[in-house]
Amino acid sequence: MKKLAAFFILIFCLSCSQEEEEPRVLSSENQITSFALNFAGENIAGEIDQHERTIVFQTDGKDVSSLTPSVNISPKARIEPASGVAQDFTSTVPYTVYAEDGIPNVYRVTINNRPISANNEINSFSFVVDGETIEADIDRTNGIIKADVTFTDIKELSPVISIPGYASIDPPAETVVDFTTPVTYTVTAENGDSRKYVVKVNEPEIQSVIHQYFPGNQSFFVGAKAGIMGRFLMNEGEDPDVYLLDGTSKYTLNELEYHFSYSDTHTGIDYYAVSFVIPDDTPTNIYKVVLEKQGYRVEFDNFDVNLEDAPNPTSLSQEVFSREDVLSIYGENLTAGIIIPSDGQHYLIFNYTTEYTKVDIRVNEEKTEMNFTPDYNYDRLYPAYFAREPEEKIITFFDPVSKRIGRSIKTVFK
């Protein structure tokens, strides 16, 4: 009986030993279930693609050179590099997850770190008038934007503006703005850097000095009547300020007169003239003619003024002149050259001799008296030639050598 009991005990022990020696099945799970990075105290989770084994972050302007990840993985798995260890993510970083059974799974962590934009340019600036787009010219170097916008009121324009992504502009695009004066726009880049642009619509421009007698000549004596001509020189209801500038000193002009000249029917650009008299005390110099209006300042160079020996006619020998009368004028520094208008033209009269005619203007040695006897070549100076009533005429003195224009005096021809 004892032998039988011992046998059953032996069988039971062998059975228990066999059960303990069966191998345990190890886990093959090797996934990253979450992956977060700490950006300056803010935890951001990456987007995990288990099929492609990628983890992607989308960031803007972050410092990714040393970031500490927080990683969750499958139970019983391990990961290299370890969670909580700082890494440089300026390029893709591989992470390998090892399952309990040793099978590896490699994930690639990428941070698409878009640089913060510093672009504060204006890409384009335009106006739409009656369905037509008018593109402005952009001077990016100097921050100046110019456009001619005609056939409409520029006091209420809504520009169309294109700026870089992530940038902002003030005033906002398509805001209604009064462009009768220069308007400053400020573009601020994503990184906070800002730049100013000055928009000029219908900017005035002096194109020439009015000098109908000698085109291209810009030489005057003090006391002479002169002028300028150009585009957009005036706005309705407001006269510009016009003066001479020698670089430092400003010289006010006398008897300013403003005239609409004409409008270009094709472009719609308005042209104006401004006439003035050069003051007697203006020093001899080469000046700029400066025009200022509503925030604009434009200049025209090489305006030549001479104070010395300026002709100064003060009186005439009679009040009314007829054909064959001697034209006698008295004054100071009188020249042997005069200009008299007639019937839309101007007679430039100075001493010269040709095969058919001789002009003789006599000025005394003191230059206080000038005499001229018109012959039949000057009949058209007299309104009677056209059967018209007597007319007032302006006689202007000039230097026949330099073509410099001087003062004028009025009289009546009949």
Protein backbone atom coordinates (compact mmCIF):
# COMPACT_ATOMS: atom_id res chain seq x y z
CA MET A 1 0.00 0.00 0.00
CA LYS A 2 2.83 2.32 0.79
CA LYS A 3 4.45 1.55 -2.53
CA LEU A 4 1.27 2.45 -4.35
CA ALA A 5 1.02 5.81 -2.60
CA ALA A 6 4.60 6.69 -3.45
CA PHE A 7 3.92 5.94 -7.09
CA PHE A 8 1.00 8.37 -7.30
CA ILE A 9 3.05 11.08 -5.62
CA LEU A 10 5.81 10.62 -8.18
CA ILE A 11 3.35 10.90 -11.07
CA PHE A 12 1.85 14.10 -9.60
CA CYS A 13 5.28 15.74 -9.21
CA LEU A 14 6.27 14.91 -12.75
CA SER A 15 3.03 16.42 -14.02
CA CYS A 16 3.61 19.68 -12.11
CA SER A 17 7.14 19.91 -13.39
CA GLN A 18 5.99 19.60 -16.99
CA GLU A 19 3.41 22.42 -16.55
CA GLU A 20 6.02 24.84 -15.17
CA GLU A 21 8.38 24.33 -18.05
CA GLU A 22 5.94 25.42 -20.82
CA PRO A 23 7.39 28.65 -22.57
CA ARG A 24 5.65 32.07 -22.02
CA VAL A 25 4.45 33.97 -25.20
CA LEU A 26 6.18 37.42 -25.42
CA SER A 27 4.38 40.59 -26.62
CA SER A 28 5.07 41.77 -30.20
CA GLU A 29 3.45 45.21 -29.66
CA ASN A 30 5.92 47.94 -30.68
CA GLN A 31 3.92 51.10 -31.42
CA ILE A 32 4.24 54.69 -30.34
CA THR A 33 0.78 55.62 -29.10
CA SER A 34 1.50 59.29 -28.42
CA PHE A 35 4.40 61.67 -28.98
CA ALA A 36 4.43 65.22 -27.63
CA LEU A 37 7.07 67.93 -27.57
CA ASN A 38 7.45 70.77 -25.14
CA PHE A 39 7.77 74.15 -26.88
CA ALA A 40 8.66 76.80 -24.31
CA GLY A 41 6.35 75.26 -21.72
CA GLU A 42 3.61 74.26 -24.19
CA ASN A 43 3.09 70.57 -24.96
CA ILE A 44 2.12 69.92 -28.56
CA ALA A 45 1.17 66.46 -29.80
CA GLY A 46 2.49 65.20 -33.11
CA GLU A 47 0.35 63.61 -35.81
CA ILE A 48 1.11 59.88 -35.87
CA ASP A 49 0.71 57.87 -39.06
CA GLN A 50 0.93 54.21 -37.95
CA HIS A 51 0.96 52.93 -41.52
CA GLU A 52 3.85 55.13 -42.68
CA ARG A 53 5.44 55.13 -39.20
CA THR A 54 5.85 58.89 -39.20
CA ILE A 55 5.21 61.55 -36.58
CA VAL A 56 4.82 65.08 -37.92
CA PHE A 57 4.63 68.47 -36.21
CA GLN A 58 3.56 71.72 -37.94
CA THR A 59 5.11 74.76 -36.25
CA ASP A 60 5.94 78.36 -37.04
CA GLY A 61 9.23 79.93 -36.12
CA LYS A 62 10.03 77.65 -33.18
CA ASP A 63 13.43 76.88 -31.71
CA VAL A 64 13.68 73.12 -32.32
CA SER A 65 17.34 72.63 -31.55
CA SER A 66 16.71 71.11 -28.10
CA LEU A 67 13.26 69.70 -27.37
CA THR A 68 12.25 67.14 -24.78
CA PRO A 69 9.71 64.57 -25.97
CA SER A 70 7.08 62.84 -23.90
CA VAL A 71 6.42 59.41 -25.47
CA ASN A 72 3.89 56.68 -24.74
CA ILE A 73 4.51 53.25 -26.23
CA SER A 74 3.01 49.75 -26.21
CA PRO A 75 3.08 47.86 -22.90
CA LYS A 76 6.25 45.87 -22.22
CA ALA A 77 7.99 47.68 -25.14
CA ARG A 78 11.01 49.96 -24.85
CA ILE A 79 12.12 52.95 -27.01
CA GLU A 80 15.39 54.45 -28.16
CA PRO A 81 16.16 57.30 -27.74
CA ALA A 82 14.35 57.30 -24.43
CA SER A 83 11.36 59.48 -23.62
CA GLY A 84 12.29 62.61 -21.66
CA VAL A 85 15.71 62.99 -23.29
CA ALA A 86 16.21 66.26 -25.22
CA GLN A 87 16.93 65.98 -28.95
CA ASP A 88 17.82 68.30 -31.83
CA PHE A 89 14.84 68.27 -34.19
CA THR A 90 16.24 70.58 -36.86
CA SER A 91 16.25 67.45 -39.01
CA THR A 92 14.26 64.20 -38.87
CA VAL A 93 14.94 62.11 -35.75
CA PRO A 94 14.37 58.30 -35.82
CA TYR A 95 12.83 56.60 -32.79
CA THR A 96 12.94 52.79 -32.53
CA VAL A 97 10.36 50.92 -30.47
CA TYR A 98 11.37 47.38 -29.44
CA ALA A 99 8.58 44.99 -28.62
CA GLU A 100 8.94 42.62 -25.71
CA ASP A 101 9.84 39.91 -28.20
CA GLY A 102 12.62 42.19 -29.59
CA ILE A 103 11.00 43.12 -32.92
CA PRO A 104 11.89 46.74 -33.76
CA ASN A 105 9.60 49.41 -35.24
CA VAL A 106 11.22 52.64 -36.47
CA TYR A 107 9.29 55.94 -36.42
CA ARG A 108 10.62 59.08 -37.99
CA VAL A 109 9.80 62.35 -36.22
CA THR A 110 9.76 65.46 -38.41
CA ILE A 111 9.05 69.06 -37.45
CA ASN A 112 7.92 71.18 -40.38
CA ASN A 113 9.01 74.44 -38.81
CA ARG A 114 7.97 77.25 -41.16
CA PRO A 115 10.21 80.30 -40.70
CA ILE A 116 8.43 83.42 -39.49
CA SER A 117 8.06 85.69 -42.51
CA ALA A 118 9.91 89.01 -42.59
CA ASN A 119 8.29 90.02 -45.88
CA ASN A 120 6.66 93.43 -45.61
CA GLU A 121 6.54 94.34 -49.30
CA ILE A 122 3.48 95.47 -51.20
CA ASN A 123 3.15 93.03 -54.09
CA SER A 124 0.74 95.12 -56.14
CA PHE A 125 -1.38 98.24 -55.78
CA SER A 126 -4.17 99.13 -58.19
CA PHE A 127 -7.43 100.99 -58.67
CA VAL A 128 -10.50 99.91 -60.57
CA VAL A 129 -12.29 102.79 -62.32
CA ASP A 130 -15.30 102.09 -64.52
CA GLY A 131 -14.24 98.46 -64.87
CA GLU A 132 -10.70 99.34 -65.89
CA THR A 133 -7.77 98.35 -63.68
CA ILE A 134 -5.07 100.98 -63.20
CA GLU A 135 -1.84 99.43 -61.92
CA ALA A 136 0.34 101.70 -59.81
CA ASP A 137 4.13 101.85 -60.21
CA ILE A 138 5.92 100.64 -57.06
CA ASP A 139 9.38 101.98 -56.24
CA ARG A 140 10.44 99.38 -53.68
CA THR A 141 13.79 101.03 -53.03
CA ASN A 142 12.29 104.31 -51.85
CA GLY A 143 8.89 103.05 -50.77
CA ILE A 144 6.97 105.25 -53.24
CA ILE A 145 3.85 104.14 -55.12
CA LYS A 146 2.53 106.32 -57.96
CA ALA A 147 -0.58 106.19 -60.11
CA ASP A 148 -2.45 108.48 -62.48
CA VAL A 149 -6.14 108.04 -61.79
CA THR A 150 -8.22 110.23 -64.07
CA PHE A 151 -11.85 110.56 -65.11
CA THR A 152 -12.93 110.14 -61.47
CA ASP A 153 -12.93 111.84 -58.07
CA ILE A 154 -9.78 110.81 -56.19
CA LYS A 155 -11.26 111.91 -52.86
CA GLU A 156 -12.99 108.53 -52.53
CA LEU A 157 -10.90 105.71 -53.95
CA SER A 158 -10.76 102.11 -52.77
CA PRO A 159 -7.46 100.53 -53.83
CA VAL A 160 -6.89 96.85 -54.43
CA ILE A 161 -3.74 95.81 -52.58
CA SER A 162 -1.81 92.53 -52.53
CA ILE A 163 0.54 91.82 -49.63
CA PRO A 164 2.45 88.69 -48.51
CA GLY A 165 0.75 85.96 -46.53
CA TYR A 166 0.85 86.47 -42.75
CA ALA A 167 1.45 90.25 -43.23
CA SER A 168 -1.01 93.02 -42.39
CA ILE A 169 -1.54 96.53 -43.80
CA ASP A 170 -2.88 99.79 -42.42
CA PRO A 171 -5.11 101.32 -43.68
CA PRO A 172 -6.65 97.96 -44.58
CA ALA A 173 -6.91 97.00 -48.24
CA GLU A 174 -10.01 98.22 -50.07
CA THR A 175 -10.68 100.93 -47.45
CA VAL A 176 -12.05 104.10 -49.07
CA VAL A 177 -9.32 106.76 -48.89
CA ASP A 178 -8.93 110.42 -49.92
CA PHE A 179 -5.93 110.53 -52.29
CA THR A 180 -5.84 114.30 -52.90
CA THR A 181 -2.82 114.23 -50.57
CA PRO A 182 -0.10 111.56 -50.29
CA VAL A 183 -1.30 108.60 -48.22
CA THR A 184 1.03 106.50 -46.06
CA TYR A 185 0.45 102.75 -45.85
CA THR A 186 2.23 100.62 -43.24
CA VAL A 187 2.87 96.93 -43.96
CA THR A 188 3.76 94.78 -40.95
CA ALA A 189 5.43 91.40 -41.53
CA GLU A 190 4.64 88.30 -39.50
CA ASN A 191 7.78 88.87 -37.43
CA GLY A 192 6.65 92.39 -36.51
CA ASP A 193 8.96 94.31 -38.86
CA SER A 194 7.07 97.15 -40.52
CA ARG A 195 7.66 99.32 -43.57
CA LYS A 196 5.95 102.47 -44.79
CA TYR A 197 4.91 103.18 -48.37
CA VAL A 198 3.77 106.60 -49.57
CA VAL A 199 1.08 106.46 -52.25
CA LYS A 200 0.89 109.42 -54.62
CA VAL A 201 -2.12 109.68 -56.91
CA ASN A 202 -2.00 112.33 -59.65
CA GLU A 203 1.29 113.72 -58.37
CA PRO A 204 1.97 117.23 -59.70
CA GLU A 205 4.90 117.64 -62.07
CA ILE A 206 6.47 120.83 -63.41
CA GLN A 207 7.35 120.05 -67.01
CA SER A 208 8.61 123.35 -68.37
CA VAL A 209 9.21 127.01 -67.76
CA ILE A 210 6.81 129.19 -69.73
CA HIS A 211 9.02 130.98 -72.20
CA GLN A 212 7.11 131.44 -75.40
CA TYR A 213 9.70 133.70 -77.01
CA PHE A 214 12.82 131.49 -76.84
CA PRO A 215 11.94 127.82 -76.29
CA GLY A 216 14.31 126.10 -73.92
CA ASN A 217 15.68 129.34 -72.52
CA GLN A 218 15.19 129.82 -68.77
CA SER A 219 17.01 133.13 -68.30
CA PHE A 220 15.29 136.17 -66.77
CA PHE A 221 16.03 139.56 -65.32
CA VAL A 222 14.36 140.54 -62.06
CA GLY A 223 11.00 142.15 -62.69
CA ALA A 224 10.28 139.84 -65.62
CA LYS A 225 7.06 137.91 -65.91
CA ALA A 226 7.67 134.17 -66.12
CA GLY A 227 5.81 130.97 -65.33
CA ILE A 228 5.72 127.21 -65.18
CA MET A 229 3.54 124.59 -66.80
CA GLY A 230 2.83 121.00 -65.91
CA ARG A 231 0.41 118.25 -65.01
CA PHE A 232 -1.85 118.18 -61.96
CA LEU A 233 -0.38 121.46 -60.68
CA MET A 234 -3.67 122.47 -59.10
CA ASN A 235 -6.68 121.02 -57.34
CA GLU A 236 -10.03 122.65 -57.70
CA GLY A 237 -10.57 125.26 -55.00
CA GLU A 238 -6.99 125.35 -53.75
CA ASP A 239 -4.05 127.32 -55.16
CA PRO A 240 -0.53 125.93 -54.68
CA ASP A 241 2.37 127.84 -53.19
CA VAL A 242 5.10 128.67 -55.74
CA TYR A 243 8.48 130.17 -54.88
CA LEU A 244 12.18 130.23 -55.80
CA LEU A 245 14.77 128.32 -53.77
CA ASP A 246 18.54 128.71 -53.92
CA GLY A 247 19.16 125.68 -51.74
CA THR A 248 18.67 127.41 -48.40
CA SER A 249 16.73 130.65 -48.87
CA LYS A 250 13.16 130.91 -50.12
CA TYR A 251 12.11 133.82 -52.36
CA THR A 252 8.43 134.61 -52.66
CA LEU A 253 7.13 135.35 -56.15
CA ASN A 254 4.81 138.24 -56.97
CA GLU A 255 1.52 138.42 -58.87
CA LEU A 256 0.90 134.68 -58.93
CA GLU A 257 -1.79 133.69 -61.42
CA TYR A 258 -3.15 130.18 -61.92
CA HIS A 259 -4.63 129.00 -65.20
CA PHE A 260 -6.15 125.77 -66.48
CA SER A 261 -4.33 125.05 -69.73
CA TYR A 262 -5.89 121.94 -71.26
CA SER A 263 -6.97 118.37 -70.60
CA ASP A 264 -5.58 115.42 -72.53
CA THR A 265 -8.71 113.75 -73.89
CA HIS A 266 -6.95 110.39 -74.14
CA THR A 267 -5.34 110.17 -70.70
CA GLY A 268 -7.58 112.58 -68.83
CA ILE A 269 -4.54 114.36 -67.39
CA ASP A 270 -5.14 118.06 -66.66
CA TYR A 271 -2.39 120.58 -67.44
CA TYR A 272 -2.06 123.93 -65.69
CA ALA A 273 0.07 127.05 -65.92
CA VAL A 274 1.25 129.30 -63.11
CA SER A 275 2.58 132.74 -64.02
CA PHE A 276 4.42 135.14 -61.72
CA VAL A 277 6.67 138.19 -61.59
CA ILE A 278 10.24 137.84 -60.29
CA PRO A 279 10.70 140.29 -57.37
CA ASP A 280 13.14 143.18 -57.90
CA ASP A 281 15.30 142.21 -54.91
CA THR A 282 15.92 138.62 -56.01
CA PRO A 283 19.72 138.03 -56.01
CA THR A 284 21.48 136.82 -59.12
CA ASN A 285 21.55 133.03 -58.96
CA ILE A 286 20.42 129.74 -60.48
CA TYR A 287 17.25 128.69 -58.66
CA LYS A 288 14.78 125.89 -58.34
CA VAL A 289 11.14 126.73 -58.95
CA VAL A 290 9.26 124.97 -56.16
CA LEU A 291 5.53 124.20 -56.08
CA GLU A 292 3.84 122.94 -52.94
CA LYS A 293 0.26 121.77 -52.61
CA GLN A 294 -1.57 119.42 -50.25
CA GLY A 295 1.49 117.54 -49.06
CA TYR A 296 3.26 117.52 -52.43
CA ARG A 297 6.47 119.36 -53.23
CA VAL A 298 7.85 119.38 -56.77
CA GLU A 299 10.80 121.25 -58.23
CA PHE A 300 12.14 122.48 -61.55
CA ASP A 301 15.87 123.23 -61.85
CA ASN A 302 18.06 125.79 -63.60
CA PHE A 303 15.83 128.85 -63.36
CA ASP A 304 18.35 131.62 -64.14
CA VAL A 305 17.76 135.06 -62.57
CA ASN A 306 19.93 138.15 -63.02
CA LEU A 307 19.64 141.24 -60.82
CA GLU A 308 22.42 143.33 -62.36
CA ASP A 309 21.61 145.62 -65.31
CA ALA A 310 17.98 144.56 -65.33
CA PRO A 311 15.98 146.71 -67.81
CA ASN A 312 13.42 148.91 -66.12
CA PRO A 313 11.11 150.75 -68.55
CA THR A 314 9.18 153.47 -66.70
CA SER A 315 7.41 155.64 -69.32
CA LEU A 316 6.72 156.20 -73.02
CA SER A 317 6.80 159.25 -75.24
CA GLN A 318 3.03 159.09 -75.78
CA GLU A 319 -0.02 157.14 -74.63
CA VAL A 320 -1.19 155.87 -78.04
CA PHE A 321 0.95 154.88 -81.02
CA SER A 322 -0.04 154.86 -84.68
CA ARG A 323 1.73 153.60 -87.76
CA GLU A 324 5.03 155.38 -88.45
CA ASP A 325 5.14 156.91 -84.94
CA VAL A 326 8.53 156.66 -83.31
CA LEU A 327 8.23 154.30 -80.36
CA SER A 328 10.22 155.96 -77.57
CA ILE A 329 10.56 154.33 -74.17
CA TYR A 330 12.38 155.75 -71.13
CA GLY A 331 13.83 154.07 -68.07
CA GLU A 332 17.02 152.39 -66.84
CA ASN A 333 19.29 149.73 -68.35
CA LEU A 334 17.15 149.60 -71.48
CA THR A 335 18.16 147.00 -74.06
CA ALA A 336 18.12 147.06 -77.85
CA GLY A 337 15.63 144.24 -77.97
CA ILE A 338 11.84 144.29 -77.49
CA ILE A 339 8.97 141.87 -78.00
CA ILE A 340 5.51 143.05 -79.06
CA PRO A 341 2.51 140.71 -79.44
CA SER A 342 0.18 141.02 -82.41
CA ASP A 343 -2.71 138.93 -83.67
CA GLY A 344 -1.64 135.74 -81.86
CA GLN A 345 2.04 136.15 -82.74
CA HIS A 346 5.02 137.93 -81.25
CA TYR A 347 7.40 140.28 -83.00
CA LEU A 348 10.96 139.92 -81.75
CA ILE A 349 12.54 143.24 -82.64
CA PHE A 350 16.30 143.77 -82.43
CA ASN A 351 19.03 145.22 -84.62
CA TYR A 352 19.72 143.22 -87.76
CA THR A 353 20.16 143.81 -91.48
CA THR A 354 19.18 141.62 -94.43
CA GLU A 355 19.06 142.13 -98.19
CA TYR A 356 15.50 143.39 -97.92
CA THR A 357 15.18 145.02 -94.53
CA LYS A 358 17.04 146.73 -91.76
CA VAL A 359 15.93 147.01 -88.15
CA ASP A 360 17.38 149.88 -86.22
CA ILE A 361 16.75 150.17 -82.49
CA ARG A 362 18.65 153.04 -80.92
CA VAL A 363 19.55 153.08 -77.25
CA ASN A 364 21.49 156.03 -75.82
CA GLU A 365 24.76 155.55 -74.00
CA GLU A 366 23.16 155.92 -70.58
CA LYS A 367 20.60 153.24 -71.53
CA THR A 368 17.81 155.53 -70.39
CA GLU A 369 16.08 155.96 -73.78
CA MET A 370 15.20 153.55 -76.54
CA ASN A 371 13.80 154.59 -79.95
CA PHE A 372 12.33 152.45 -82.70
CA THR A 373 10.59 153.55 -85.91
CA PRO A 374 8.50 150.69 -87.36
CA ASP A 375 8.33 150.46 -91.15
CA TYR A 376 5.78 148.68 -93.34
CA ASN A 377 7.05 145.29 -92.12
CA TYR A 378 5.36 146.01 -88.80
CA ASP A 379 1.96 147.16 -90.06
CA ARG A 380 0.36 144.15 -88.40
CA LEU A 381 1.25 145.57 -85.01
CA TYR A 382 -1.54 148.10 -85.44
CA PRO A 383 -5.21 147.07 -85.06
CA ALA A 384 -6.16 149.57 -87.77
CA TYR A 385 -4.49 147.27 -90.26
CA PHE A 386 -7.24 144.74 -89.46
CA ALA A 387 -9.90 147.46 -89.19
CA ARG A 388 -10.10 146.96 -85.43
CA GLU A 389 -10.28 149.28 -82.46
CA PRO A 390 -7.10 150.33 -80.59
CA GLU A 391 -5.65 147.62 -78.38
CA GLU A 392 -3.48 147.55 -75.30
CA LYS A 393 -0.16 145.79 -75.87
CA ILE A 394 2.64 144.65 -73.61
CA ILE A 395 6.16 145.54 -74.72
CA THR A 396 8.77 143.24 -73.17
CA PHE A 397 12.50 144.00 -73.08
CA PHE A 398 15.11 141.31 -73.67
CA ASP A 399 18.86 141.08 -74.15
CA PRO A 400 19.46 140.21 -77.85
CA VAL A 401 22.73 138.43 -76.98
CA SER A 402 21.74 136.20 -74.03
CA LYS A 403 17.99 136.11 -74.87
CA ARG A 404 17.37 136.95 -71.19
CA ILE A 405 13.84 138.29 -70.65
CA GLY A 406 13.24 141.48 -68.67
CA ARG A 407 10.44 143.74 -67.54
CA SER A 408 7.51 144.86 -69.62
CA ILE A 409 5.57 148.08 -70.09
CA LYS A 410 2.05 148.57 -71.40
CA THR A 411 0.85 150.97 -74.10
CA VAL A 412 -1.90 151.30 -76.72
CA PHE A 413 -1.53 150.71 -80.46
CA LYS A 414 -4.23 151.82 -82.87
